[in-house]
Amino acid sequence: MRPVRALVVPLLVLLAWQLAASLGLASPYLLPAPATVLHTAGDMLESGLLVRHTAASLGRVARGFSISVAAGCALAALLTALPRLEKALDPTLSFMRMTPPLATIPLLILWFGIGEATQLAIIILASFFPVYLNARAGFARLDASYRELAASLSLSRLDYARYFAGPAALPSIVTGVRLSFGYSWRALIAAELIAAGSGLGYMISDAEQMQRVDVVMVGIFAIGLVGWALDALFRRVVAGVAGRRFPEVVEG
């Protein structure tokens, strides 16, 4: 029954949309009928245009997101081991965290131009801190007694990370990774509206200039559906790999 209940609101919205279009409550130019948008989506799929733009966005997210996850976890582990360094870097990290990534777009364009480097930088800036902050919180939860136990067993740092620090921080890291993907996906799409030559954001921007509202709506639906599908896939993978031992990582 849960999947059926989840469809109630989208179906009601679709019905209201169709009624508004059929009764002429809105201009077809401003609000094309669902059938028109669906037909446009079919044409774009057949031509490969929608697939190409989606693939371009996913490729950028995959690269930037991977860098953010690796860098965020590594920095969290480093600053956990070196608290003095953490205190020294805290003002800089706080400043960067409070600066919206999209505010840096003009500067990034001046530095790197309208291209992949700008997109990559925006993704990293948007997705780094959710991973770093959650990983840091996870490492901080590790009780000092575990460090004493590891020292008494003469465990190497690698073994300590494998048997103590890693499992303790895993739930927080997984939460941070999930949040990070959402941030990176939204930031990339926004950046593509301004500084890209391909991708779903660029497709929407180009359609707006061509006054193709149906294409704009196809792009919006594609962004939401792809993001939802990837989040659902991530939760399913995590549930299969670590859900039994760490049920909290798949809640929500």
C-alpha atoms as a PDB file:
ATOM      1  CA  MET A   1       0.000   0.000   0.000  1.00  0.00           C
ATOM      2  CA  ARG A   2       2.879   2.408   0.618  1.00  0.00           C
ATOM      3  CA  PRO A   3       3.781   2.768  -3.094  1.00  0.00           C
ATOM      4  CA  VAL A   4       0.105   3.424  -3.881  1.00  0.00           C
ATOM      5  CA  ARG A   5      -0.179   6.107  -1.191  1.00  0.00           C
ATOM      6  CA  ALA A   6       3.000   7.731  -2.456  1.00  0.00           C
ATOM      7  CA  LEU A   7       1.371   8.193  -5.873  1.00  0.00           C
ATOM      8  CA  VAL A   8      -1.744   9.961  -4.568  1.00  0.00           C
ATOM      9  CA  VAL A   9      -0.306  13.483  -4.444  1.00  0.00           C
ATOM     10  CA  PRO A  10       1.491  13.303  -7.844  1.00  0.00           C
ATOM     11  CA  LEU A  11      -1.698  11.966  -9.460  1.00  0.00           C
ATOM     12  CA  LEU A  12      -3.787  14.745  -7.922  1.00  0.00           C
ATOM     13  CA  VAL A  13      -1.315  17.347  -9.177  1.00  0.00           C
ATOM     14  CA  LEU A  14      -1.373  15.770 -12.639  1.00  0.00           C
ATOM     15  CA  LEU A  15      -5.182  15.769 -12.651  1.00  0.00           C
ATOM     16  CA  ALA A  16      -5.348  19.430 -11.612  1.00  0.00           C
ATOM     17  CA  TRP A  17      -2.781  20.287 -14.273  1.00  0.00           C
ATOM     18  CA  GLN A  18      -4.783  18.485 -16.960  1.00  0.00           C
ATOM     19  CA  LEU A  19      -8.028  20.163 -15.873  1.00  0.00           C
ATOM     20  CA  ALA A  20      -6.402  23.600 -15.932  1.00  0.00           C
ATOM     21  CA  ALA A  21      -5.103  22.962 -19.447  1.00  0.00           C
ATOM     22  CA  SER A  22      -8.391  21.485 -20.715  1.00  0.00           C
ATOM     23  CA  LEU A  23     -10.542  24.301 -19.312  1.00  0.00           C
ATOM     24  CA  GLY A  24      -8.214  26.967 -20.664  1.00  0.00           C
ATOM     25  CA  LEU A  25      -7.463  28.367 -17.222  1.00  0.00           C
ATOM     26  CA  ALA A  26      -3.888  29.030 -18.309  1.00  0.00           C
ATOM     27  CA  SER A  27      -2.303  29.828 -21.635  1.00  0.00           C
ATOM     28  CA  PRO A  28      -0.927  26.743 -23.446  1.00  0.00           C
ATOM     29  CA  TYR A  29       2.238  28.777 -23.933  1.00  0.00           C
ATOM     30  CA  LEU A  30       2.697  29.179 -20.175  1.00  0.00           C
ATOM     31  CA  LEU A  31       1.267  25.823 -19.104  1.00  0.00           C
ATOM     32  CA  PRO A  32       1.299  23.173 -21.839  1.00  0.00           C
ATOM     33  CA  ALA A  33      -0.900  20.151 -21.236  1.00  0.00           C
ATOM     34  CA  PRO A  34       0.634  16.992 -19.739  1.00  0.00           C
ATOM     35  CA  ALA A  35       0.138  15.197 -23.052  1.00  0.00           C
ATOM     36  CA  THR A  36       2.172  17.893 -24.819  1.00  0.00           C
ATOM     37  CA  VAL A  37       5.019  17.618 -22.317  1.00  0.00           C
ATOM     38  CA  LEU A  38       4.944  13.816 -22.542  1.00  0.00           C
ATOM     39  CA  HIS A  39       5.060  13.965 -26.339  1.00  0.00           C
ATOM     40  CA  THR A  40       8.019  16.356 -26.198  1.00  0.00           C
ATOM     41  CA  ALA A  41       9.810  14.050 -23.762  1.00  0.00           C
ATOM     42  CA  GLY A  42       9.257  11.124 -26.130  1.00  0.00           C
ATOM     43  CA  ASP A  43      10.682  13.083 -29.059  1.00  0.00           C
ATOM     44  CA  MET A  44      13.720  14.122 -27.019  1.00  0.00           C
ATOM     45  CA  LEU A  45      14.328  10.549 -25.907  1.00  0.00           C
ATOM     46  CA  GLU A  46      14.031   9.285 -29.461  1.00  0.00           C
ATOM     47  CA  SER A  47      16.474  11.880 -30.767  1.00  0.00           C
ATOM     48  CA  GLY A  48      18.901  11.171 -27.914  1.00  0.00           C
ATOM     49  CA  LEU A  49      18.960  14.818 -26.828  1.00  0.00           C
ATOM     50  CA  LEU A  50      17.578  14.171 -23.351  1.00  0.00           C
ATOM     51  CA  VAL A  51      19.916  11.231 -22.815  1.00  0.00           C
ATOM     52  CA  ARG A  52      22.983  13.264 -23.851  1.00  0.00           C
ATOM     53  CA  HIS A  53      22.204  16.154 -21.528  1.00  0.00           C
ATOM     54  CA  THR A  54      21.378  13.808 -18.647  1.00  0.00           C
ATOM     55  CA  ALA A  55      24.613  11.884 -19.183  1.00  0.00           C
ATOM     56  CA  ALA A  56      26.601  15.140 -19.211  1.00  0.00           C
ATOM     57  CA  SER A  57      25.136  16.199 -15.861  1.00  0.00           C
ATOM     58  CA  LEU A  58      25.613  12.767 -14.297  1.00  0.00           C
ATOM     59  CA  GLY A  59      29.225  12.605 -15.460  1.00  0.00           C
ATOM     60  CA  ARG A  60      30.031  15.943 -13.852  1.00  0.00           C
ATOM     61  CA  VAL A  61      28.330  14.991 -10.606  1.00  0.00           C
ATOM     62  CA  ALA A  62      30.122  11.638 -10.466  1.00  0.00           C
ATOM     63  CA  ARG A  63      33.540  13.282 -10.797  1.00  0.00           C
ATOM     64  CA  GLY A  64      32.991  16.134  -8.362  1.00  0.00           C
ATOM     65  CA  PHE A  65      31.040  14.034  -5.882  1.00  0.00           C
ATOM     66  CA  SER A  66      33.766  11.362  -5.757  1.00  0.00           C
ATOM     67  CA  ILE A  67      36.425  13.978  -5.058  1.00  0.00           C
ATOM     68  CA  SER A  68      34.306  15.529  -2.299  1.00  0.00           C
ATOM     69  CA  VAL A  69      33.649  12.204  -0.566  1.00  0.00           C
ATOM     70  CA  ALA A  70      37.314  11.210  -0.618  1.00  0.00           C
ATOM     71  CA  ALA A  71      38.562  14.644   0.453  1.00  0.00           C
ATOM     72  CA  GLY A  72      35.892  15.098   3.139  1.00  0.00           C
ATOM     73  CA  CYS A  73      36.561  11.739   4.792  1.00  0.00           C
ATOM     74  CA  ALA A  74      40.333  12.192   4.574  1.00  0.00           C
ATOM     75  CA  LEU A  75      40.269  15.669   6.104  1.00  0.00           C
ATOM     76  CA  ALA A  76      37.910  14.544   8.867  1.00  0.00           C
ATOM     77  CA  ALA A  77      40.246  11.686   9.773  1.00  0.00           C
ATOM     78  CA  LEU A  78      43.294  13.966   9.655  1.00  0.00           C
ATOM     79  CA  LEU A  79      41.778  16.659  11.873  1.00  0.00           C
ATOM     80  CA  THR A  80      40.521  14.040  14.319  1.00  0.00           C
ATOM     81  CA  ALA A  81      44.106  12.867  14.736  1.00  0.00           C
ATOM     82  CA  LEU A  82      45.491  16.434  14.849  1.00  0.00           C
ATOM     83  CA  PRO A  83      43.186  18.608  16.999  1.00  0.00           C
ATOM     84  CA  ARG A  84      45.597  21.554  16.961  1.00  0.00           C
ATOM     85  CA  LEU A  85      45.462  21.629  13.183  1.00  0.00           C
ATOM     86  CA  GLU A  86      41.673  21.514  13.381  1.00  0.00           C
ATOM     87  CA  LYS A  87      41.635  24.604  15.588  1.00  0.00           C
ATOM     88  CA  ALA A  88      43.935  26.398  13.161  1.00  0.00           C
ATOM     89  CA  LEU A  89      41.800  25.534  10.133  1.00  0.00           C
ATOM     90  CA  ASP A  90      38.395  26.008  11.755  1.00  0.00           C
ATOM     91  CA  PRO A  91      37.947  29.735  10.879  1.00  0.00           C
ATOM     92  CA  THR A  92      38.863  29.113   7.241  1.00  0.00           C
ATOM     93  CA  LEU A  93      36.612  26.074   6.958  1.00  0.00           C
ATOM     94  CA  SER A  94      33.736  27.922   8.629  1.00  0.00           C
ATOM     95  CA  PHE A  95      34.128  30.835   6.214  1.00  0.00           C
ATOM     96  CA  MET A  96      34.083  28.507   3.216  1.00  0.00           C
ATOM     97  CA  ARG A  97      31.112  26.562   4.579  1.00  0.00           C
ATOM     98  CA  MET A  98      29.031  29.709   5.005  1.00  0.00           C
ATOM     99  CA  THR A  99      29.784  30.985   1.488  1.00  0.00           C
ATOM    100  CA  PRO A 100      27.125  29.776  -0.994  1.00  0.00           C
ATOM    101  CA  PRO A 101      28.827  27.917  -3.867  1.00  0.00           C
ATOM    102  CA  LEU A 102      26.674  29.725  -6.431  1.00  0.00           C
ATOM    103  CA  ALA A 103      28.059  33.057  -5.183  1.00  0.00           C
ATOM    104  CA  THR A 104      31.469  31.974  -6.462  1.00  0.00           C
ATOM    105  CA  ILE A 105      30.284  31.342 -10.036  1.00  0.00           C
ATOM    106  CA  PRO A 106      31.327  34.780 -11.418  1.00  0.00           C
ATOM    107  CA  LEU A 107      34.813  34.376  -9.940  1.00  0.00           C
ATOM    108  CA  LEU A 108      35.129  30.791 -11.159  1.00  0.00           C
ATOM    109  CA  ILE A 109      34.098  31.836 -14.666  1.00  0.00           C
ATOM    110  CA  LEU A 110      36.783  34.532 -14.660  1.00  0.00           C
ATOM    111  CA  TRP A 111      39.369  31.985 -13.520  1.00  0.00           C
ATOM    112  CA  PHE A 112      38.377  28.906 -15.500  1.00  0.00           C
ATOM    113  CA  GLY A 113      35.925  30.115 -18.136  1.00  0.00           C
ATOM    114  CA  ILE A 114      32.624  28.448 -19.000  1.00  0.00           C
ATOM    115  CA  GLY A 115      33.644  24.825 -18.953  1.00  0.00           C
ATOM    116  CA  GLU A 116      34.132  21.639 -17.017  1.00  0.00           C
ATOM    117  CA  ALA A 117      36.563  23.097 -14.473  1.00  0.00           C
ATOM    118  CA  THR A 118      33.966  25.602 -13.283  1.00  0.00           C
ATOM    119  CA  GLN A 119      31.293  22.902 -12.993  1.00  0.00           C
ATOM    120  CA  LEU A 120      33.657  20.615 -11.086  1.00  0.00           C
ATOM    121  CA  ALA A 121      34.657  23.360  -8.653  1.00  0.00           C
ATOM    122  CA  ILE A 122      31.023  24.206  -7.901  1.00  0.00           C
ATOM    123  CA  ILE A 123      30.146  20.567  -7.236  1.00  0.00           C
ATOM    124  CA  ILE A 124      33.096  20.159  -4.867  1.00  0.00           C
ATOM    125  CA  LEU A 125      32.288  23.362  -2.987  1.00  0.00           C
ATOM    126  CA  ALA A 126      28.649  22.312  -2.612  1.00  0.00           C
ATOM    127  CA  SER A 127      29.169  18.691  -1.606  1.00  0.00           C
ATOM    128  CA  PHE A 128      32.375  18.718   0.443  1.00  0.00           C
ATOM    129  CA  PHE A 129      31.074  19.979   3.781  1.00  0.00           C
ATOM    130  CA  PRO A 130      28.149  17.565   4.299  1.00  0.00           C
ATOM    131  CA  VAL A 131      30.623  14.685   4.043  1.00  0.00           C
ATOM    132  CA  TYR A 132      33.334  16.352   6.100  1.00  0.00           C
ATOM    133  CA  LEU A 133      31.065  17.495   8.942  1.00  0.00           C
ATOM    134  CA  ASN A 134      29.266  14.166   9.262  1.00  0.00           C
ATOM    135  CA  ALA A 135      32.489  12.163   9.078  1.00  0.00           C
ATOM    136  CA  ARG A 136      34.082  14.425  11.673  1.00  0.00           C
ATOM    137  CA  ALA A 137      31.093  13.953  13.980  1.00  0.00           C
ATOM    138  CA  GLY A 138      31.299  10.197  13.489  1.00  0.00           C
ATOM    139  CA  PHE A 139      34.984  10.047  14.344  1.00  0.00           C
ATOM    140  CA  ALA A 140      34.397  12.271  17.388  1.00  0.00           C
ATOM    141  CA  ARG A 141      31.895   9.758  18.781  1.00  0.00           C
ATOM    142  CA  LEU A 142      34.617   7.174  19.254  1.00  0.00           C
ATOM    143  CA  ASP A 143      35.216   6.780  22.983  1.00  0.00           C
ATOM    144  CA  ALA A 144      38.731   7.319  24.342  1.00  0.00           C
ATOM    145  CA  SER A 145      38.642   3.838  25.856  1.00  0.00           C
ATOM    146  CA  TYR A 146      38.808   2.373  22.361  1.00  0.00           C
ATOM    147  CA  ARG A 147      42.014   4.265  21.686  1.00  0.00           C
ATOM    148  CA  GLU A 148      43.465   2.896  24.912  1.00  0.00           C
ATOM    149  CA  LEU A 149      42.383  -0.616  23.945  1.00  0.00           C
ATOM    150  CA  ALA A 150      43.954  -0.254  20.514  1.00  0.00           C
ATOM    151  CA  ALA A 151      47.176   0.987  22.099  1.00  0.00           C
ATOM    152  CA  SER A 152      47.269  -1.933  24.540  1.00  0.00           C
ATOM    153  CA  LEU A 153      46.840  -4.335  21.620  1.00  0.00           C
ATOM    154  CA  SER A 154      49.600  -2.534  19.689  1.00  0.00           C
ATOM    155  CA  LEU A 155      47.289  -2.084  16.715  1.00  0.00           C
ATOM    156  CA  SER A 156      48.603  -0.156  13.756  1.00  0.00           C
ATOM    157  CA  ARG A 157      46.776   2.978  12.624  1.00  0.00           C
ATOM    158  CA  LEU A 158      45.354   1.034   9.694  1.00  0.00           C
ATOM    159  CA  ASP A 159      43.966  -1.674  11.985  1.00  0.00           C
ATOM    160  CA  TYR A 160      42.613   0.964  14.357  1.00  0.00           C
ATOM    161  CA  ALA A 161      40.799   2.654  11.489  1.00  0.00           C
ATOM    162  CA  ARG A 162      39.514  -0.693  10.215  1.00  0.00           C
ATOM    163  CA  TYR A 163      38.220  -2.120  13.480  1.00  0.00           C
ATOM    164  CA  PHE A 164      37.298   0.951  15.525  1.00  0.00           C
ATOM    165  CA  ALA A 165      37.212   4.335  13.794  1.00  0.00           C
ATOM    166  CA  GLY A 166      35.665   3.155  10.529  1.00  0.00           C
ATOM    167  CA  PRO A 167      32.689   1.260  12.000  1.00  0.00           C
ATOM    168  CA  ALA A 168      32.051   4.040  14.534  1.00  0.00           C
ATOM    169  CA  ALA A 169      31.943   6.742  11.870  1.00  0.00           C
ATOM    170  CA  LEU A 170      30.171   4.738   9.139  1.00  0.00           C
ATOM    171  CA  PRO A 171      26.563   5.750   9.951  1.00  0.00           C
ATOM    172  CA  SER A 172      27.498   9.437   9.983  1.00  0.00           C
ATOM    173  CA  ILE A 173      29.585   9.114   6.825  1.00  0.00           C
ATOM    174  CA  VAL A 174      26.750   7.431   4.938  1.00  0.00           C
ATOM    175  CA  THR A 175      24.359  10.180   6.019  1.00  0.00           C
ATOM    176  CA  GLY A 176      26.863  12.787   4.879  1.00  0.00           C
ATOM    177  CA  VAL A 177      27.352  11.071   1.532  1.00  0.00           C
ATOM    178  CA  ARG A 178      23.619  11.002   0.899  1.00  0.00           C
ATOM    179  CA  LEU A 179      23.253  14.680   1.792  1.00  0.00           C
ATOM    180  CA  SER A 180      26.309  15.483  -0.269  1.00  0.00           C
ATOM    181  CA  PHE A 181      24.831  13.996  -3.414  1.00  0.00           C
ATOM    182  CA  GLY A 182      21.678  16.077  -3.031  1.00  0.00           C
ATOM    183  CA  TYR A 183      23.711  19.250  -2.589  1.00  0.00           C
ATOM    184  CA  SER A 184      25.973  18.447  -5.531  1.00  0.00           C
ATOM    185  CA  TRP A 185      23.065  17.624  -7.862  1.00  0.00           C
ATOM    186  CA  ARG A 186      21.174  20.826  -7.084  1.00  0.00           C
ATOM    187  CA  ALA A 187      24.268  23.019  -7.254  1.00  0.00           C
ATOM    188  CA  LEU A 188      25.337  21.538 -10.584  1.00  0.00           C
ATOM    189  CA  ILE A 189      21.947  22.094 -12.196  1.00  0.00           C
ATOM    190  CA  ALA A 190      21.923  25.700 -10.997  1.00  0.00           C
ATOM    191  CA  ALA A 191      25.457  26.221 -12.300  1.00  0.00           C
ATOM    192  CA  GLU A 192      24.570  24.695 -15.671  1.00  0.00           C
ATOM    193  CA  LEU A 193      21.866  27.314 -16.052  1.00  0.00           C
ATOM    194  CA  ILE A 194      24.607  29.944 -16.068  1.00  0.00           C
ATOM    195  CA  ALA A 195      27.943  28.445 -17.055  1.00  0.00           C
ATOM    196  CA  ALA A 196      27.691  25.344 -19.218  1.00  0.00           C
ATOM    197  CA  GLY A 197      27.373  24.190 -22.802  1.00  0.00           C
ATOM    198  CA  SER A 198      25.620  20.920 -22.019  1.00  0.00           C
ATOM    199  CA  GLY A 199      23.649  19.229 -19.252  1.00  0.00           C
ATOM    200  CA  LEU A 200      20.084  19.400 -18.000  1.00  0.00           C
ATOM    201  CA  GLY A 201      20.518  22.893 -16.573  1.00  0.00           C
ATOM    202  CA  TYR A 202      21.886  24.132 -19.888  1.00  0.00           C
ATOM    203  CA  MET A 203      19.011  22.412 -21.713  1.00  0.00           C
ATOM    204  CA  ILE A 204      16.482  24.297 -19.577  1.00  0.00           C
ATOM    205  CA  SER A 205      18.278  27.616 -20.064  1.00  0.00           C
ATOM    206  CA  ASP A 206      18.469  27.123 -23.820  1.00  0.00           C
ATOM    207  CA  ALA A 207      14.787  26.150 -23.980  1.00  0.00           C
ATOM    208  CA  GLU A 208      13.832  29.261 -22.009  1.00  0.00           C
ATOM    209  CA  GLN A 209      15.611  31.451 -24.545  1.00  0.00           C
ATOM    210  CA  MET A 210      13.813  29.612 -27.353  1.00  0.00           C
ATOM    211  CA  GLN A 211      10.501  30.038 -25.481  1.00  0.00           C
ATOM    212  CA  ARG A 212       9.946  26.266 -25.349  1.00  0.00           C
ATOM    213  CA  VAL A 213       8.071  25.867 -22.080  1.00  0.00           C
ATOM    214  CA  ASP A 214       7.403  22.202 -22.835  1.00  0.00           C
ATOM    215  CA  VAL A 215      11.148  21.495 -23.024  1.00  0.00           C
ATOM    216  CA  VAL A 216      11.708  23.458 -19.808  1.00  0.00           C
ATOM    217  CA  MET A 217       9.162  21.263 -18.052  1.00  0.00           C
ATOM    218  CA  VAL A 218      10.727  18.097 -19.475  1.00  0.00           C
ATOM    219  CA  GLY A 219      14.057  19.241 -18.045  1.00  0.00           C
ATOM    220  CA  ILE A 220      12.549  19.968 -14.629  1.00  0.00           C
ATOM    221  CA  PHE A 221      10.900  16.552 -14.471  1.00  0.00           C
ATOM    222  CA  ALA A 222      14.107  14.864 -15.623  1.00  0.00           C
ATOM    223  CA  ILE A 223      16.106  16.575 -12.872  1.00  0.00           C
ATOM    224  CA  GLY A 224      13.649  15.519 -10.186  1.00  0.00           C
ATOM    225  CA  LEU A 225      13.247  11.958 -11.447  1.00  0.00           C
ATOM    226  CA  VAL A 226      16.978  11.336 -11.848  1.00  0.00           C
ATOM    227  CA  GLY A 227      17.722  12.748  -8.398  1.00  0.00           C
ATOM    228  CA  TRP A 228      14.940  10.695  -6.811  1.00  0.00           C
ATOM    229  CA  ALA A 229      16.006   7.502  -8.591  1.00  0.00           C
ATOM    230  CA  LEU A 230      19.648   7.859  -7.571  1.00  0.00           C
ATOM    231  CA  ASP A 231      18.725   8.580  -3.954  1.00  0.00           C
ATOM    232  CA  ALA A 232      16.463   5.512  -3.883  1.00  0.00           C
ATOM    233  CA  LEU A 233      19.232   3.406  -5.430  1.00  0.00           C
ATOM    234  CA  PHE A 234      21.726   4.683  -2.867  1.00  0.00           C
ATOM    235  CA  ARG A 235      19.417   3.792   0.017  1.00  0.00           C
ATOM    236  CA  ARG A 236      18.814   0.317  -1.394  1.00  0.00           C
ATOM    237  CA  VAL A 237      22.534  -0.351  -1.808  1.00  0.00           C
ATOM    238  CA  VAL A 238      23.300   0.880   1.707  1.00  0.00           C
ATOM    239  CA  ALA A 239      20.454  -1.194   3.141  1.00  0.00           C
ATOM    240  CA  GLY A 240      21.878  -4.289   1.490  1.00  0.00           C
ATOM    241  CA  VAL A 241      25.477  -3.650   2.504  1.00  0.00           C
ATOM    242  CA  ALA A 242      25.238  -2.134   5.984  1.00  0.00           C
ATOM    243  CA  GLY A 243      21.560  -1.858   6.855  1.00  0.00           C
ATOM    244  CA  ARG A 244      21.417  -4.824   9.236  1.00  0.00           C
ATOM    245  CA  ARG A 245      24.384  -3.733  11.309  1.00  0.00           C
ATOM    246  CA  PHE A 246      23.686  -0.009  11.071  1.00  0.00           C
ATOM    247  CA  PRO A 247      19.910   0.431  10.527  1.00  0.00           C
ATOM    248  CA  GLU A 248      20.162   4.151  11.223  1.00  0.00           C
ATOM    249  CA  VAL A 249      21.971   4.752   7.930  1.00  0.00           C
ATOM    250  CA  VAL A 250      18.871   3.909   5.882  1.00  0.00           C
ATOM    251  CA  GLU A 251      16.292   5.713   7.985  1.00  0.00           C
ATOM    252  CA  GLY A 252      14.597   8.802   6.651  1.00  0.00           C
END
